[in-house]
């Protein structure tokens, strides 16, 4: 189903791909059908650099997922988990802080991403997700709030993200959550700098966070995220 939908996306466009994906209920389990929407929207974004098309596919998948969740209550958690994933990707793809080459994001798309981040966070709580998914939901919401200059809320959500990531580390041992806790702390410090430019202590604290990140396996990747966001949002 996914492969055929991608073929149609490439040859006939977004509407044809969505039409096929909607017909997938005849051959796929409901959660697999919504997962296929997510896979195709990611293809539209990464391979075609088509943000409007990815948004259109994602919104169609969310609408169908909500219908299927109500229709199949015994499978609702699985279906809504896939819906949550689409909300997360829409929030991520519409965040200017990645500075993704080939992608231009409008103010209206940023607002759409903020709403998607809120829904992703709501569903993470409603579906009782583990600490690391909750951390990522908080981080994504904070990132979108930072994009609209709601720095106070962004700082709160980044610190919540740090706390959830630390919970994941304490429960499961050191793993990627260690870096994500530091990343969330760094973004809280970055949002503080954007709210009050020139604060020497905040700048010093952010430098210390980067030094701590540099010692981790994925540290340079996380540091780049902080530096890219600073470059995008400081002007």
C-alpha atoms as a PDB file:
ATOM      1  CA  UNK A   1       0.000   0.000   0.000  1.00  0.00           C
ATOM      2  CA  UNK A   2       2.715   2.467   0.997  1.00  0.00           C
ATOM      3  CA  UNK A   3       4.800   1.691  -2.086  1.00  0.00           C
ATOM      4  CA  UNK A   4       1.830   2.069  -4.446  1.00  0.00           C
ATOM      5  CA  UNK A   5       0.790   5.316  -2.758  1.00  0.00           C
ATOM      6  CA  UNK A   6       4.311   6.683  -3.206  1.00  0.00           C
ATOM      7  CA  UNK A   7       4.220   5.697  -6.881  1.00  0.00           C
ATOM      8  CA  UNK A   8       0.962   7.634  -7.277  1.00  0.00           C
ATOM      9  CA  UNK A   9       2.384  10.562  -5.343  1.00  0.00           C
ATOM     10  CA  UNK A  10       5.349  10.661  -7.716  1.00  0.00           C
ATOM     11  CA  UNK A  11       3.298  10.256 -10.899  1.00  0.00           C
ATOM     12  CA  UNK A  12      -0.123  11.794 -10.211  1.00  0.00           C
ATOM     13  CA  UNK A  13       0.255  13.929  -7.106  1.00  0.00           C
ATOM     14  CA  UNK A  14      -1.032  14.257  -3.566  1.00  0.00           C
ATOM     15  CA  UNK A  15      -4.761  13.785  -4.183  1.00  0.00           C
ATOM     16  CA  UNK A  16      -4.245  10.450  -5.945  1.00  0.00           C
ATOM     17  CA  UNK A  17      -2.017   9.171  -3.144  1.00  0.00           C
ATOM     18  CA  UNK A  18      -4.557  10.177  -0.483  1.00  0.00           C
ATOM     19  CA  UNK A  19      -7.378   8.500  -2.393  1.00  0.00           C
ATOM     20  CA  UNK A  20      -5.471   5.219  -2.444  1.00  0.00           C
ATOM     21  CA  UNK A  21      -4.496   5.480   1.221  1.00  0.00           C
ATOM     22  CA  UNK A  22      -8.127   6.030   2.207  1.00  0.00           C
ATOM     23  CA  UNK A  23      -9.057   2.856   0.330  1.00  0.00           C
ATOM     24  CA  UNK A  24      -6.502   0.929   2.379  1.00  0.00           C
ATOM     25  CA  UNK A  25      -9.112  -0.117   4.930  1.00  0.00           C
ATOM     26  CA  UNK A  26      -9.907  -3.015   2.614  1.00  0.00           C
ATOM     27  CA  UNK A  27      -6.412  -4.483   2.913  1.00  0.00           C
ATOM     28  CA  UNK A  28      -4.794  -3.040   6.060  1.00  0.00           C
ATOM     29  CA  UNK A  29      -5.507  -3.046   9.781  1.00  0.00           C
ATOM     30  CA  UNK A  30      -6.705   0.427  10.855  1.00  0.00           C
ATOM     31  CA  UNK A  31      -3.461   1.330  12.667  1.00  0.00           C
ATOM     32  CA  UNK A  32      -1.407   0.122   9.686  1.00  0.00           C
ATOM     33  CA  UNK A  33      -3.495   2.285   7.387  1.00  0.00           C
ATOM     34  CA  UNK A  34      -2.727   5.413   9.432  1.00  0.00           C
ATOM     35  CA  UNK A  35       0.916   4.397   9.619  1.00  0.00           C
ATOM     36  CA  UNK A  36       0.936   4.304   5.807  1.00  0.00           C
ATOM     37  CA  UNK A  37      -0.283   7.910   5.744  1.00  0.00           C
ATOM     38  CA  UNK A  38       2.629   8.842   8.007  1.00  0.00           C
ATOM     39  CA  UNK A  39       5.145   7.038   5.798  1.00  0.00           C
ATOM     40  CA  UNK A  40       3.879   8.747   2.658  1.00  0.00           C
ATOM     41  CA  UNK A  41       3.809  12.210   4.242  1.00  0.00           C
ATOM     42  CA  UNK A  42       7.451  11.698   5.288  1.00  0.00           C
ATOM     43  CA  UNK A  43       8.288  10.718   1.704  1.00  0.00           C
ATOM     44  CA  UNK A  44       6.589  13.900   0.423  1.00  0.00           C
ATOM     45  CA  UNK A  45       8.654  15.977   2.843  1.00  0.00           C
ATOM     46  CA  UNK A  46      12.070  14.331   2.593  1.00  0.00           C
ATOM     47  CA  UNK A  47      12.112  13.242  -1.039  1.00  0.00           C
ATOM     48  CA  UNK A  48       9.968  15.931  -2.701  1.00  0.00           C
ATOM     49  CA  UNK A  49      10.624  18.777  -0.250  1.00  0.00           C
ATOM     50  CA  UNK A  50       6.866  19.346  -0.537  1.00  0.00           C
ATOM     51  CA  UNK A  51       5.751  20.731   2.801  1.00  0.00           C
ATOM     52  CA  UNK A  52       2.193  21.690   1.662  1.00  0.00           C
ATOM     53  CA  UNK A  53       1.744  18.189   0.232  1.00  0.00           C
ATOM     54  CA  UNK A  54       3.050  16.564   3.414  1.00  0.00           C
ATOM     55  CA  UNK A  55       0.635  18.682   5.461  1.00  0.00           C
ATOM     56  CA  UNK A  56      -2.299  17.704   3.220  1.00  0.00           C
ATOM     57  CA  UNK A  57      -1.453  14.001   3.537  1.00  0.00           C
ATOM     58  CA  UNK A  58      -0.988  14.307   7.284  1.00  0.00           C
ATOM     59  CA  UNK A  59      -4.273  16.107   7.838  1.00  0.00           C
ATOM     60  CA  UNK A  60      -6.116  13.473   5.788  1.00  0.00           C
ATOM     61  CA  UNK A  61      -4.480  10.730   7.858  1.00  0.00           C
ATOM     62  CA  UNK A  62      -5.413  12.425  11.126  1.00  0.00           C
ATOM     63  CA  UNK A  63      -9.038  12.872  10.049  1.00  0.00           C
ATOM     64  CA  UNK A  64      -9.320   9.232   8.999  1.00  0.00           C
ATOM     65  CA  UNK A  65      -7.514   8.045  12.137  1.00  0.00           C
ATOM     66  CA  UNK A  66      -9.988   9.848  14.375  1.00  0.00           C
ATOM     67  CA  UNK A  67     -12.866   8.247  12.471  1.00  0.00           C
ATOM     68  CA  UNK A  68     -11.308   4.780  12.685  1.00  0.00           C
ATOM     69  CA  UNK A  69     -10.511   5.231  16.373  1.00  0.00           C
ATOM     70  CA  UNK A  70     -14.195   5.843  17.057  1.00  0.00           C
ATOM     71  CA  UNK A  71     -15.252   2.998  14.759  1.00  0.00           C
ATOM     72  CA  UNK A  72     -12.891   0.416  16.301  1.00  0.00           C
ATOM     73  CA  UNK A  73     -12.675   1.265  20.035  1.00  0.00           C
ATOM     74  CA  UNK A  74     -10.847  -1.994  20.783  1.00  0.00           C
ATOM     75  CA  UNK A  75      -8.008  -0.767  18.513  1.00  0.00           C
ATOM     76  CA  UNK A  76      -8.261   2.897  19.438  1.00  0.00           C
ATOM     77  CA  UNK A  77      -4.972   3.076  21.355  1.00  0.00           C
ATOM     78  CA  UNK A  78      -2.987   1.684  18.423  1.00  0.00           C
ATOM     79  CA  UNK A  79      -4.781   3.885  15.918  1.00  0.00           C
ATOM     80  CA  UNK A  80      -4.412   7.036  18.001  1.00  0.00           C
ATOM     81  CA  UNK A  81      -0.740   6.268  18.609  1.00  0.00           C
ATOM     82  CA  UNK A  82      -0.275   6.477  14.844  1.00  0.00           C
ATOM     83  CA  UNK A  83      -2.330   9.688  14.768  1.00  0.00           C
ATOM     84  CA  UNK A  84      -0.038  11.036  17.474  1.00  0.00           C
ATOM     85  CA  UNK A  85       2.963  10.212  15.282  1.00  0.00           C
ATOM     86  CA  UNK A  86       1.485  12.218  12.412  1.00  0.00           C
ATOM     87  CA  UNK A  87       0.899  15.195  14.720  1.00  0.00           C
ATOM     88  CA  UNK A  88       4.529  14.967  15.850  1.00  0.00           C
ATOM     89  CA  UNK A  89       5.838  14.897  12.282  1.00  0.00           C
ATOM     90  CA  UNK A  90       3.651  17.810  11.226  1.00  0.00           C
ATOM     91  CA  UNK A  91       4.925  19.786  14.221  1.00  0.00           C
ATOM     92  CA  UNK A  92       8.518  18.880  13.400  1.00  0.00           C
ATOM     93  CA  UNK A  93       8.299  19.569   9.670  1.00  0.00           C
ATOM     94  CA  UNK A  94       6.783  23.023  10.251  1.00  0.00           C
ATOM     95  CA  UNK A  95       9.421  24.102  12.802  1.00  0.00           C
ATOM     96  CA  UNK A  96      11.753  26.724  11.318  1.00  0.00           C
ATOM     97  CA  UNK A  97      14.532  25.903  13.780  1.00  0.00           C
ATOM     98  CA  UNK A  98      15.802  22.959  11.730  1.00  0.00           C
ATOM     99  CA  UNK A  99      16.698  25.389   8.915  1.00  0.00           C
ATOM    100  CA  UNK A 100      16.067  22.486   6.545  1.00  0.00           C
ATOM    101  CA  UNK A 101      17.425  23.136   3.023  1.00  0.00           C
ATOM    102  CA  UNK A 102      14.722  23.393   0.363  1.00  0.00           C
ATOM    103  CA  UNK A 103      11.925  23.999   2.874  1.00  0.00           C
ATOM    104  CA  UNK A 104      10.288  27.417   3.297  1.00  0.00           C
ATOM    105  CA  UNK A 105       7.828  27.646   6.177  1.00  0.00           C
ATOM    106  CA  UNK A 106       5.099  30.292   6.267  1.00  0.00           C
ATOM    107  CA  UNK A 107       3.767  31.888   9.489  1.00  0.00           C
ATOM    108  CA  UNK A 108       0.472  30.044   8.891  1.00  0.00           C
ATOM    109  CA  UNK A 109       2.328  26.727   8.730  1.00  0.00           C
ATOM    110  CA  UNK A 110       4.129  27.558  11.988  1.00  0.00           C
ATOM    111  CA  UNK A 111       0.737  28.076  13.638  1.00  0.00           C
ATOM    112  CA  UNK A 112      -0.421  24.738  12.223  1.00  0.00           C
ATOM    113  CA  UNK A 113       2.704  23.142  13.659  1.00  0.00           C
ATOM    114  CA  UNK A 114       2.067  24.655  17.072  1.00  0.00           C
ATOM    115  CA  UNK A 115      -1.441  23.167  17.075  1.00  0.00           C
ATOM    116  CA  UNK A 116      -0.014  19.804  16.001  1.00  0.00           C
ATOM    117  CA  UNK A 117       2.561  19.947  18.804  1.00  0.00           C
ATOM    118  CA  UNK A 118      -0.214  20.602  21.322  1.00  0.00           C
ATOM    119  CA  UNK A 119      -2.192  17.621  20.016  1.00  0.00           C
ATOM    120  CA  UNK A 120       0.893  15.399  20.109  1.00  0.00           C
ATOM    121  CA  UNK A 121       1.485  16.397  23.733  1.00  0.00           C
ATOM    122  CA  UNK A 122      -2.183  15.852  24.646  1.00  0.00           C
ATOM    123  CA  UNK A 123      -2.193  12.398  23.096  1.00  0.00           C
ATOM    124  CA  UNK A 124       1.089  11.466  24.780  1.00  0.00           C
ATOM    125  CA  UNK A 125      -0.613  12.070  28.128  1.00  0.00           C
ATOM    126  CA  UNK A 126      -3.961  10.559  27.125  1.00  0.00           C
ATOM    127  CA  UNK A 127      -2.313   7.375  25.792  1.00  0.00           C
ATOM    128  CA  UNK A 128      -0.070   7.131  28.888  1.00  0.00           C
ATOM    129  CA  UNK A 129       3.153   7.100  26.923  1.00  0.00           C
ATOM    130  CA  UNK A 130       6.460   6.314  28.619  1.00  0.00           C
ATOM    131  CA  UNK A 131       8.829   8.979  29.900  1.00  0.00           C
ATOM    132  CA  UNK A 132      10.940   9.340  26.746  1.00  0.00           C
ATOM    133  CA  UNK A 133       7.977   9.920  24.364  1.00  0.00           C
ATOM    134  CA  UNK A 134       6.588  12.383  26.916  1.00  0.00           C
ATOM    135  CA  UNK A 135       9.953  14.163  26.948  1.00  0.00           C
ATOM    136  CA  UNK A 136       9.950  14.433  23.166  1.00  0.00           C
ATOM    137  CA  UNK A 137       6.365  15.703  23.157  1.00  0.00           C
ATOM    138  CA  UNK A 138       7.291  18.410  25.667  1.00  0.00           C
ATOM    139  CA  UNK A 139      10.391  19.338  23.672  1.00  0.00           C
ATOM    140  CA  UNK A 140       8.453  19.633  20.415  1.00  0.00           C
ATOM    141  CA  UNK A 141       5.812  21.812  22.042  1.00  0.00           C
ATOM    142  CA  UNK A 142       8.511  24.017  23.566  1.00  0.00           C
ATOM    143  CA  UNK A 143      10.236  24.307  20.199  1.00  0.00           C
ATOM    144  CA  UNK A 144       7.065  25.483  18.474  1.00  0.00           C
ATOM    145  CA  UNK A 145       6.309  27.906  21.318  1.00  0.00           C
ATOM    146  CA  UNK A 146       9.808  29.326  20.908  1.00  0.00           C
ATOM    147  CA  UNK A 147       9.086  29.832  17.197  1.00  0.00           C
ATOM    148  CA  UNK A 148       6.138  32.098  18.063  1.00  0.00           C
ATOM    149  CA  UNK A 149       8.136  33.867  20.802  1.00  0.00           C
ATOM    150  CA  UNK A 150       6.114  32.427  23.685  1.00  0.00           C
ATOM    151  CA  UNK A 151       9.362  32.046  25.599  1.00  0.00           C
ATOM    152  CA  UNK A 152       7.879  31.540  29.068  1.00  0.00           C
ATOM    153  CA  UNK A 153       5.812  28.518  27.998  1.00  0.00           C
ATOM    154  CA  UNK A 154       8.695  27.219  25.904  1.00  0.00           C
ATOM    155  CA  UNK A 155      11.064  27.303  28.875  1.00  0.00           C
ATOM    156  CA  UNK A 156       8.530  25.460  31.040  1.00  0.00           C
ATOM    157  CA  UNK A 157       8.048  22.721  28.447  1.00  0.00           C
ATOM    158  CA  UNK A 158      11.778  22.343  27.815  1.00  0.00           C
ATOM    159  CA  UNK A 159      12.385  21.843  31.539  1.00  0.00           C
ATOM    160  CA  UNK A 160       9.533  19.315  31.657  1.00  0.00           C
ATOM    161  CA  UNK A 161      11.205  17.551  28.728  1.00  0.00           C
ATOM    162  CA  UNK A 162      14.456  17.417  30.700  1.00  0.00           C
ATOM    163  CA  UNK A 163      12.686  15.938  33.730  1.00  0.00           C
ATOM    164  CA  UNK A 164      10.941  13.237  31.690  1.00  0.00           C
ATOM    165  CA  UNK A 165      14.206  12.334  29.938  1.00  0.00           C
ATOM    166  CA  UNK A 166      15.921  12.015  33.313  1.00  0.00           C
ATOM    167  CA  UNK A 167      13.101   9.732  34.464  1.00  0.00           C
ATOM    168  CA  UNK A 168      13.722   7.530  31.423  1.00  0.00           C
ATOM    169  CA  UNK A 169      17.416   7.316  32.302  1.00  0.00           C
ATOM    170  CA  UNK A 170      16.721   6.467  35.956  1.00  0.00           C
ATOM    171  CA  UNK A 171      14.259   3.730  35.005  1.00  0.00           C
ATOM    172  CA  UNK A 172      16.094   2.152  32.089  1.00  0.00           C
ATOM    173  CA  UNK A 173      19.727   3.138  32.581  1.00  0.00           C
ATOM    174  CA  UNK A 174      21.937   5.447  30.486  1.00  0.00           C
ATOM    175  CA  UNK A 175      20.882   5.578  26.849  1.00  0.00           C
ATOM    176  CA  UNK A 176      19.752   8.255  24.428  1.00  0.00           C
ATOM    177  CA  UNK A 177      17.684   9.862  27.152  1.00  0.00           C
ATOM    178  CA  UNK A 178      20.870  11.211  28.726  1.00  0.00           C
ATOM    179  CA  UNK A 179      21.562  13.340  25.674  1.00  0.00           C
ATOM    180  CA  UNK A 180      17.929  14.354  25.328  1.00  0.00           C
ATOM    181  CA  UNK A 181      17.864  15.620  28.907  1.00  0.00           C
ATOM    182  CA  UNK A 182      20.861  17.848  28.185  1.00  0.00           C
ATOM    183  CA  UNK A 183      19.378  18.905  24.856  1.00  0.00           C
ATOM    184  CA  UNK A 184      16.161  19.993  26.565  1.00  0.00           C
ATOM    185  CA  UNK A 185      18.176  21.911  29.166  1.00  0.00           C
ATOM    186  CA  UNK A 186      20.141  23.601  26.410  1.00  0.00           C
ATOM    187  CA  UNK A 187      16.950  24.651  24.634  1.00  0.00           C
ATOM    188  CA  UNK A 188      15.509  26.034  27.864  1.00  0.00           C
ATOM    189  CA  UNK A 189      18.678  28.114  28.204  1.00  0.00           C
ATOM    190  CA  UNK A 190      18.444  29.140  24.553  1.00  0.00           C
ATOM    191  CA  UNK A 191      14.831  30.279  25.006  1.00  0.00           C
ATOM    192  CA  UNK A 192      15.945  32.265  28.051  1.00  0.00           C
ATOM    193  CA  UNK A 193      18.650  33.954  25.966  1.00  0.00           C
ATOM    194  CA  UNK A 194      16.129  34.816  23.261  1.00  0.00           C
ATOM    195  CA  UNK A 195      13.779  36.256  25.883  1.00  0.00           C
ATOM    196  CA  UNK A 196      16.560  38.337  27.479  1.00  0.00           C
ATOM    197  CA  UNK A 197      19.458  38.723  25.036  1.00  0.00           C
ATOM    198  CA  UNK A 198      22.892  39.334  26.498  1.00  0.00           C
ATOM    199  CA  UNK A 199      22.431  37.554  29.820  1.00  0.00           C
ATOM    200  CA  UNK A 200      26.009  36.494  30.681  1.00  0.00           C
ATOM    201  CA  UNK A 201      25.077  33.797  33.196  1.00  0.00           C
ATOM    202  CA  UNK A 202      22.584  32.161  30.848  1.00  0.00           C
ATOM    203  CA  UNK A 203      25.144  32.212  28.048  1.00  0.00           C
ATOM    204  CA  UNK A 204      27.719  30.641  30.373  1.00  0.00           C
ATOM    205  CA  UNK A 205      25.231  27.963  31.466  1.00  0.00           C
ATOM    206  CA  UNK A 206      24.469  27.138  27.821  1.00  0.00           C
ATOM    207  CA  UNK A 207      28.185  26.792  27.097  1.00  0.00           C
ATOM    208  CA  UNK A 208      28.470  24.323  30.003  1.00  0.00           C
ATOM    209  CA  UNK A 209      25.538  22.326  28.625  1.00  0.00           C
ATOM    210  CA  UNK A 210      27.247  22.135  25.225  1.00  0.00           C
ATOM    211  CA  UNK A 211      30.456  20.929  26.843  1.00  0.00           C
ATOM    212  CA  UNK A 212      28.492  18.184  28.616  1.00  0.00           C
ATOM    213  CA  UNK A 213      26.792  17.245  25.329  1.00  0.00           C
ATOM    214  CA  UNK A 214      30.139  17.093  23.514  1.00  0.00           C
ATOM    215  CA  UNK A 215      31.174  14.142  25.679  1.00  0.00           C
ATOM    216  CA  UNK A 216      28.221  12.025  24.473  1.00  0.00           C
ATOM    217  CA  UNK A 217      28.070   9.835  21.388  1.00  0.00           C
ATOM    218  CA  UNK A 218      25.338  11.939  19.736  1.00  0.00           C
ATOM    219  CA  UNK A 219      26.503  15.160  21.352  1.00  0.00           C
ATOM    220  CA  UNK A 220      27.694  16.978  18.236  1.00  0.00           C
ATOM    221  CA  UNK A 221      24.339  16.287  16.560  1.00  0.00           C
ATOM    222  CA  UNK A 222      22.494  17.820  19.515  1.00  0.00           C
ATOM    223  CA  UNK A 223      24.858  20.803  19.700  1.00  0.00           C
ATOM    224  CA  UNK A 224      24.180  21.500  16.019  1.00  0.00           C
ATOM    225  CA  UNK A 225      20.436  21.592  16.749  1.00  0.00           C
ATOM    226  CA  UNK A 226      21.001  24.260  19.394  1.00  0.00           C
ATOM    227  CA  UNK A 227      23.333  26.279  17.158  1.00  0.00           C
ATOM    228  CA  UNK A 228      20.986  26.068  14.162  1.00  0.00           C
ATOM    229  CA  UNK A 229      18.018  27.229  16.248  1.00  0.00           C
ATOM    230  CA  UNK A 230      20.053  30.117  17.666  1.00  0.00           C
ATOM    231  CA  UNK A 231      21.001  31.217  14.158  1.00  0.00           C
ATOM    232  CA  UNK A 232      17.371  31.027  12.963  1.00  0.00           C
ATOM    233  CA  UNK A 233      15.667  32.738  15.888  1.00  0.00           C
ATOM    234  CA  UNK A 234      18.158  35.332  17.147  1.00  0.00           C
ATOM    235  CA  UNK A 235      17.321  37.940  14.470  1.00  0.00           C
END
